[in-house]
Amino acid sequence: MTVKATRIFSIQERVAIVWESHQPRAEVTEIARRHGVAVNTIYVWRRLYGARRVEQPVKDTAGRNAVVVALTAQVRLLEELIERHAIEAARLRDRLAASGITPPRT
């Protein structure tokens, strides 16, 4: 049995793969095979980066560091996810309170 080493993709590489998967006529299966990634991993990354399409990866042409740009985009998306989860948690607390159940303290 052969053990295959797990590859860790940088945020910039992930954004590039997600961007590629959103292109017209893009086949996620083909993209996954070409990059050596499981198909479901691409869908997880799509969910992580939000349902909207990500912008094309930025190169260093404008004097900006592409890694910094990718990390800034990642932070922005994570902040949006946190906000969505906070709203959902508040809704669940309201439902519990409306049903007479005391929500746990956080």
N, C-alpha and C. Protein backbone atom coordinates (compact mmCIF):
# COMPACT_ATOMS: atom_id res chain seq x y z
N MET A 1 0.84 -1.17 0.00
CA MET A 1 0.00 0.00 0.00
C MET A 1 0.89 1.24 0.00
N THR A 2 0.55 2.19 -0.84
CA THR A 2 1.34 3.41 -0.95
C THR A 2 0.63 4.53 -0.19
N VAL A 3 1.39 5.28 0.60
CA VAL A 3 0.84 6.41 1.34
C VAL A 3 1.20 7.67 0.57
N LYS A 4 0.17 8.43 0.23
CA LYS A 4 0.39 9.65 -0.54
C LYS A 4 0.48 10.84 0.43
N ALA A 5 1.48 11.66 0.24
CA ALA A 5 1.66 12.83 1.10
C ALA A 5 0.53 13.84 0.84
N THR A 6 0.05 14.44 1.91
CA THR A 6 -1.00 15.44 1.80
C THR A 6 -0.37 16.77 1.42
N ARG A 7 -0.91 17.40 0.41
CA ARG A 7 -0.38 18.70 -0.03
C ARG A 7 -1.19 19.79 0.63
N ILE A 8 -0.51 20.80 1.12
CA ILE A 8 -1.18 21.94 1.73
C ILE A 8 -1.14 23.08 0.71
N PHE A 9 -2.31 23.54 0.31
CA PHE A 9 -2.41 24.62 -0.66
C PHE A 9 -2.44 25.95 0.08
N SER A 10 -1.72 26.92 -0.47
CA SER A 10 -1.74 28.26 0.11
C SER A 10 -3.10 28.89 -0.18
N ILE A 11 -3.39 29.96 0.54
CA ILE A 11 -4.66 30.67 0.32
C ILE A 11 -4.72 31.17 -1.11
N GLN A 12 -3.60 31.65 -1.61
CA GLN A 12 -3.56 32.16 -2.98
C GLN A 12 -3.88 31.04 -3.97
N GLU A 13 -3.35 29.85 -3.74
CA GLU A 13 -3.64 28.72 -4.63
C GLU A 13 -5.10 28.32 -4.54
N ARG A 14 -5.64 28.32 -3.34
CA ARG A 14 -7.06 27.97 -3.17
C ARG A 14 -7.96 28.95 -3.91
N VAL A 15 -7.67 30.25 -3.74
CA VAL A 15 -8.47 31.28 -4.42
C VAL A 15 -8.39 31.10 -5.93
N ALA A 16 -7.20 30.80 -6.43
CA ALA A 16 -7.03 30.59 -7.87
C ALA A 16 -7.84 29.39 -8.36
N ILE A 17 -7.86 28.31 -7.59
CA ILE A 17 -8.61 27.11 -7.98
C ILE A 17 -10.11 27.39 -7.93
N VAL A 18 -10.56 28.08 -6.87
CA VAL A 18 -11.99 28.42 -6.78
C VAL A 18 -12.38 29.33 -7.92
N TRP A 19 -11.54 30.32 -8.21
CA TRP A 19 -11.83 31.23 -9.33
C TRP A 19 -11.94 30.43 -10.63
N GLU A 20 -11.00 29.51 -10.83
CA GLU A 20 -11.02 28.68 -12.04
C GLU A 20 -12.31 27.85 -12.11
N SER A 21 -12.78 27.36 -10.97
CA SER A 21 -13.99 26.52 -10.96
C SER A 21 -15.25 27.31 -11.27
N HIS A 22 -15.20 28.63 -11.16
CA HIS A 22 -16.36 29.47 -11.46
C HIS A 22 -16.38 29.97 -12.91
N GLN A 23 -15.39 29.62 -13.68
CA GLN A 23 -15.33 30.09 -15.06
C GLN A 23 -16.40 29.38 -15.90
N PRO A 24 -16.89 30.04 -16.95
CA PRO A 24 -17.89 29.40 -17.81
C PRO A 24 -17.36 28.06 -18.36
N ARG A 25 -18.21 27.09 -18.36
CA ARG A 25 -17.92 25.75 -18.87
C ARG A 25 -16.82 25.02 -18.09
N ALA A 26 -16.52 25.49 -16.90
CA ALA A 26 -15.50 24.82 -16.08
C ALA A 26 -16.09 23.54 -15.50
N GLU A 27 -15.32 22.48 -15.54
CA GLU A 27 -15.74 21.21 -14.97
C GLU A 27 -14.92 20.98 -13.71
N VAL A 28 -15.62 20.97 -12.58
CA VAL A 28 -14.95 20.85 -11.29
C VAL A 28 -14.16 19.54 -11.22
N THR A 29 -14.70 18.48 -11.79
CA THR A 29 -13.99 17.19 -11.77
C THR A 29 -12.64 17.30 -12.46
N GLU A 30 -12.61 17.94 -13.60
CA GLU A 30 -11.36 18.11 -14.36
C GLU A 30 -10.38 19.00 -13.61
N ILE A 31 -10.90 20.08 -13.04
CA ILE A 31 -10.04 21.00 -12.28
C ILE A 31 -9.44 20.28 -11.08
N ALA A 32 -10.26 19.50 -10.39
CA ALA A 32 -9.78 18.75 -9.22
C ALA A 32 -8.69 17.77 -9.62
N ARG A 33 -8.90 17.05 -10.71
CA ARG A 33 -7.91 16.08 -11.17
C ARG A 33 -6.60 16.76 -11.53
N ARG A 34 -6.70 17.87 -12.23
CA ARG A 34 -5.50 18.58 -12.68
C ARG A 34 -4.67 19.10 -11.51
N HIS A 35 -5.35 19.52 -10.44
CA HIS A 35 -4.64 20.08 -9.29
C HIS A 35 -4.36 19.05 -8.21
N GLY A 36 -4.84 17.83 -8.41
CA GLY A 36 -4.60 16.78 -7.42
C GLY A 36 -5.39 16.98 -6.14
N VAL A 37 -6.63 17.43 -6.29
CA VAL A 37 -7.50 17.73 -5.16
C VAL A 37 -8.78 16.91 -5.31
N ALA A 38 -9.38 16.53 -4.19
CA ALA A 38 -10.67 15.85 -4.24
C ALA A 38 -11.74 16.86 -4.68
N VAL A 39 -12.72 16.38 -5.42
CA VAL A 39 -13.79 17.25 -5.91
C VAL A 39 -14.49 17.95 -4.74
N ASN A 40 -14.79 17.18 -3.68
CA ASN A 40 -15.49 17.79 -2.55
C ASN A 40 -14.67 18.89 -1.88
N THR A 41 -13.34 18.81 -1.98
CA THR A 41 -12.48 19.86 -1.41
C THR A 41 -12.73 21.19 -2.11
N ILE A 42 -12.88 21.14 -3.43
CA ILE A 42 -13.16 22.38 -4.17
C ILE A 42 -14.50 22.96 -3.73
N TYR A 43 -15.50 22.11 -3.52
CA TYR A 43 -16.80 22.61 -3.06
C TYR A 43 -16.71 23.17 -1.64
N VAL A 44 -15.89 22.57 -0.80
CA VAL A 44 -15.67 23.11 0.55
C VAL A 44 -15.02 24.48 0.45
N TRP A 45 -14.02 24.61 -0.40
CA TRP A 45 -13.36 25.91 -0.59
C TRP A 45 -14.33 26.93 -1.13
N ARG A 46 -15.20 26.53 -2.05
CA ARG A 46 -16.21 27.46 -2.59
C ARG A 46 -17.10 27.97 -1.47
N ARG A 47 -17.52 27.05 -0.59
CA ARG A 47 -18.36 27.43 0.53
C ARG A 47 -17.59 28.35 1.49
N LEU A 48 -16.34 28.03 1.73
CA LEU A 48 -15.50 28.83 2.62
C LEU A 48 -15.35 30.25 2.10
N TYR A 49 -15.16 30.38 0.81
CA TYR A 49 -14.96 31.70 0.21
C TYR A 49 -16.28 32.36 -0.16
N GLY A 50 -17.38 31.77 0.24
CA GLY A 50 -18.70 32.35 0.00
C GLY A 50 -19.28 31.87 -1.32
N ALA A 51 -20.58 32.04 -1.43
CA ALA A 51 -21.28 31.56 -2.62
C ALA A 51 -20.98 32.43 -3.84
N ARG A 52 -20.60 33.66 -3.57
CA ARG A 52 -20.32 34.53 -4.73
C ARG A 52 -19.01 34.13 -5.38
N ARG A 53 -18.83 34.58 -6.57
CA ARG A 53 -17.61 34.28 -7.31
C ARG A 53 -16.45 35.11 -6.76
N VAL A 54 -15.30 34.47 -6.62
CA VAL A 54 -14.13 35.21 -6.15
C VAL A 54 -13.50 35.93 -7.33
N GLU A 55 -12.80 37.00 -7.02
CA GLU A 55 -12.12 37.76 -8.07
C GLU A 55 -10.89 37.00 -8.56
N GLN A 56 -10.49 37.31 -9.77
CA GLN A 56 -9.30 36.68 -10.32
C GLN A 56 -8.11 36.99 -9.41
N PRO A 57 -7.26 35.99 -9.15
CA PRO A 57 -6.11 36.22 -8.28
C PRO A 57 -5.25 37.38 -8.78
N VAL A 58 -4.84 38.21 -7.86
CA VAL A 58 -4.06 39.40 -8.20
C VAL A 58 -2.58 39.04 -8.29
N LYS A 59 -1.96 39.50 -9.34
CA LYS A 59 -0.51 39.31 -9.50
C LYS A 59 0.17 40.55 -8.94
N ASP A 60 1.46 40.55 -8.90
CA ASP A 60 2.21 41.67 -8.36
C ASP A 60 2.38 42.82 -9.35
N THR A 61 1.50 42.94 -10.31
CA THR A 61 1.66 43.95 -11.36
C THR A 61 1.39 45.36 -10.85
N ALA A 62 0.52 45.51 -9.86
CA ALA A 62 0.19 46.85 -9.37
C ALA A 62 1.04 47.23 -8.17
N GLY A 63 2.12 46.50 -7.94
CA GLY A 63 2.98 46.80 -6.82
C GLY A 63 2.44 46.26 -5.51
N ARG A 64 1.34 45.48 -5.59
CA ARG A 64 0.79 44.90 -4.37
C ARG A 64 1.27 43.46 -4.24
N ASN A 65 1.46 43.04 -3.04
CA ASN A 65 1.88 41.67 -2.77
C ASN A 65 0.65 40.77 -2.89
N ALA A 66 0.70 39.80 -3.80
CA ALA A 66 -0.45 38.94 -4.06
C ALA A 66 -0.85 38.15 -2.82
N VAL A 67 0.11 37.77 -2.00
CA VAL A 67 -0.21 37.02 -0.79
C VAL A 67 -0.99 37.89 0.18
N VAL A 68 -0.59 39.15 0.33
CA VAL A 68 -1.29 40.06 1.22
C VAL A 68 -2.71 40.29 0.71
N VAL A 69 -2.86 40.46 -0.59
CA VAL A 69 -4.19 40.66 -1.17
C VAL A 69 -5.07 39.44 -0.90
N ALA A 70 -4.53 38.24 -1.09
CA ALA A 70 -5.29 37.02 -0.86
C ALA A 70 -5.66 36.88 0.61
N LEU A 71 -4.73 37.18 1.51
CA LEU A 71 -5.01 37.08 2.94
C LEU A 71 -6.05 38.11 3.37
N THR A 72 -5.99 39.30 2.80
CA THR A 72 -6.97 40.33 3.12
C THR A 72 -8.36 39.88 2.68
N ALA A 73 -8.45 39.27 1.51
CA ALA A 73 -9.73 38.75 1.04
C ALA A 73 -10.22 37.65 1.96
N GLN A 74 -9.32 36.78 2.40
CA GLN A 74 -9.67 35.70 3.31
C GLN A 74 -10.21 36.26 4.62
N VAL A 75 -9.57 37.27 5.17
CA VAL A 75 -10.02 37.88 6.42
C VAL A 75 -11.42 38.47 6.24
N ARG A 76 -11.64 39.16 5.13
CA ARG A 76 -12.95 39.75 4.85
C ARG A 76 -14.04 38.67 4.80
N LEU A 77 -13.75 37.57 4.13
CA LEU A 77 -14.72 36.48 4.03
C LEU A 77 -14.96 35.83 5.39
N LEU A 78 -13.92 35.66 6.18
CA LEU A 78 -14.09 35.07 7.51
C LEU A 78 -14.92 35.99 8.41
N GLU A 79 -14.71 37.29 8.29
CA GLU A 79 -15.52 38.24 9.07
C GLU A 79 -16.99 38.12 8.69
N GLU A 80 -17.28 37.97 7.39
CA GLU A 80 -18.66 37.79 6.94
C GLU A 80 -19.25 36.50 7.49
N LEU A 81 -18.47 35.42 7.51
CA LEU A 81 -18.94 34.15 8.06
C LEU A 81 -19.25 34.29 9.55
N ILE A 82 -18.38 34.96 10.28
CA ILE A 82 -18.60 35.16 11.71
C ILE A 82 -19.89 35.94 11.93
N GLU A 83 -20.10 36.97 11.13
CA GLU A 83 -21.31 37.77 11.26
C GLU A 83 -22.56 36.93 10.99
N ARG A 84 -22.51 36.10 9.93
CA ARG A 84 -23.65 35.23 9.62
C ARG A 84 -23.94 34.26 10.76
N HIS A 85 -22.87 33.68 11.34
CA HIS A 85 -23.05 32.74 12.44
C HIS A 85 -23.57 33.44 13.68
N ALA A 86 -23.15 34.67 13.93
CA ALA A 86 -23.64 35.42 15.08
C ALA A 86 -25.13 35.71 14.93
N ILE A 87 -25.56 36.06 13.72
CA ILE A 87 -26.97 36.32 13.46
C ILE A 87 -27.78 35.04 13.66
N GLU A 88 -27.27 33.92 13.15
CA GLU A 88 -27.96 32.64 13.31
C GLU A 88 -28.06 32.25 14.78
N ALA A 89 -26.99 32.47 15.55
CA ALA A 89 -27.01 32.16 16.98
C ALA A 89 -28.05 33.01 17.70
N ALA A 90 -28.14 34.29 17.33
CA ALA A 90 -29.14 35.17 17.95
C ALA A 90 -30.55 34.70 17.62
N ARG A 91 -30.77 34.28 16.39
CA ARG A 91 -32.10 33.75 16.00
C ARG A 91 -32.45 32.51 16.81
N LEU A 92 -31.47 31.62 16.98
CA LEU A 92 -31.72 30.40 17.75
C LEU A 92 -32.01 30.72 19.22
N ARG A 93 -31.29 31.69 19.79
CA ARG A 93 -31.56 32.10 21.17
C ARG A 93 -32.97 32.64 21.29
N ASP A 94 -33.39 33.46 20.30
CA ASP A 94 -34.75 34.02 20.32
C ASP A 94 -35.80 32.92 20.25
N ARG A 95 -35.56 31.91 19.41
CA ARG A 95 -36.50 30.78 19.30
C ARG A 95 -36.59 30.03 20.62
N LEU A 96 -35.44 29.79 21.25
CA LEU A 96 -35.44 29.10 22.53
C LEU A 96 -36.20 29.91 23.58
N ALA A 97 -35.96 31.21 23.62
CA ALA A 97 -36.63 32.07 24.59
C ALA A 97 -38.14 32.09 24.34
N ALA A 98 -38.54 32.13 23.07
CA ALA A 98 -39.96 32.14 22.73
C ALA A 98 -40.65 30.84 23.13
N SER A 99 -39.90 29.75 23.14
CA SER A 99 -40.49 28.47 23.51
C SER A 99 -40.41 28.21 25.01
N GLY A 100 -39.87 29.16 25.76
CA GLY A 100 -39.79 29.03 27.21
C GLY A 100 -38.55 28.33 27.71
N ILE A 101 -37.62 28.02 26.84
CA ILE A 101 -36.38 27.36 27.24
C ILE A 101 -35.34 28.44 27.48
N THR A 102 -34.65 28.34 28.59
CA THR A 102 -33.60 29.32 28.89
C THR A 102 -32.34 28.93 28.12
N PRO A 103 -31.88 29.81 27.24
CA PRO A 103 -30.66 29.49 26.49
C PRO A 103 -29.44 29.47 27.40
N PRO A 104 -28.46 28.63 27.07
CA PRO A 104 -27.25 28.59 27.90
C PRO A 104 -26.47 29.89 27.78
N ARG A 105 -25.78 30.22 28.85
CA ARG A 105 -24.95 31.44 28.82
C ARG A 105 -23.65 31.15 28.10
N THR A 106 -23.19 32.14 27.36
CA THR A 106 -21.92 31.98 26.64
C THR A 106 -20.85 32.85 27.23
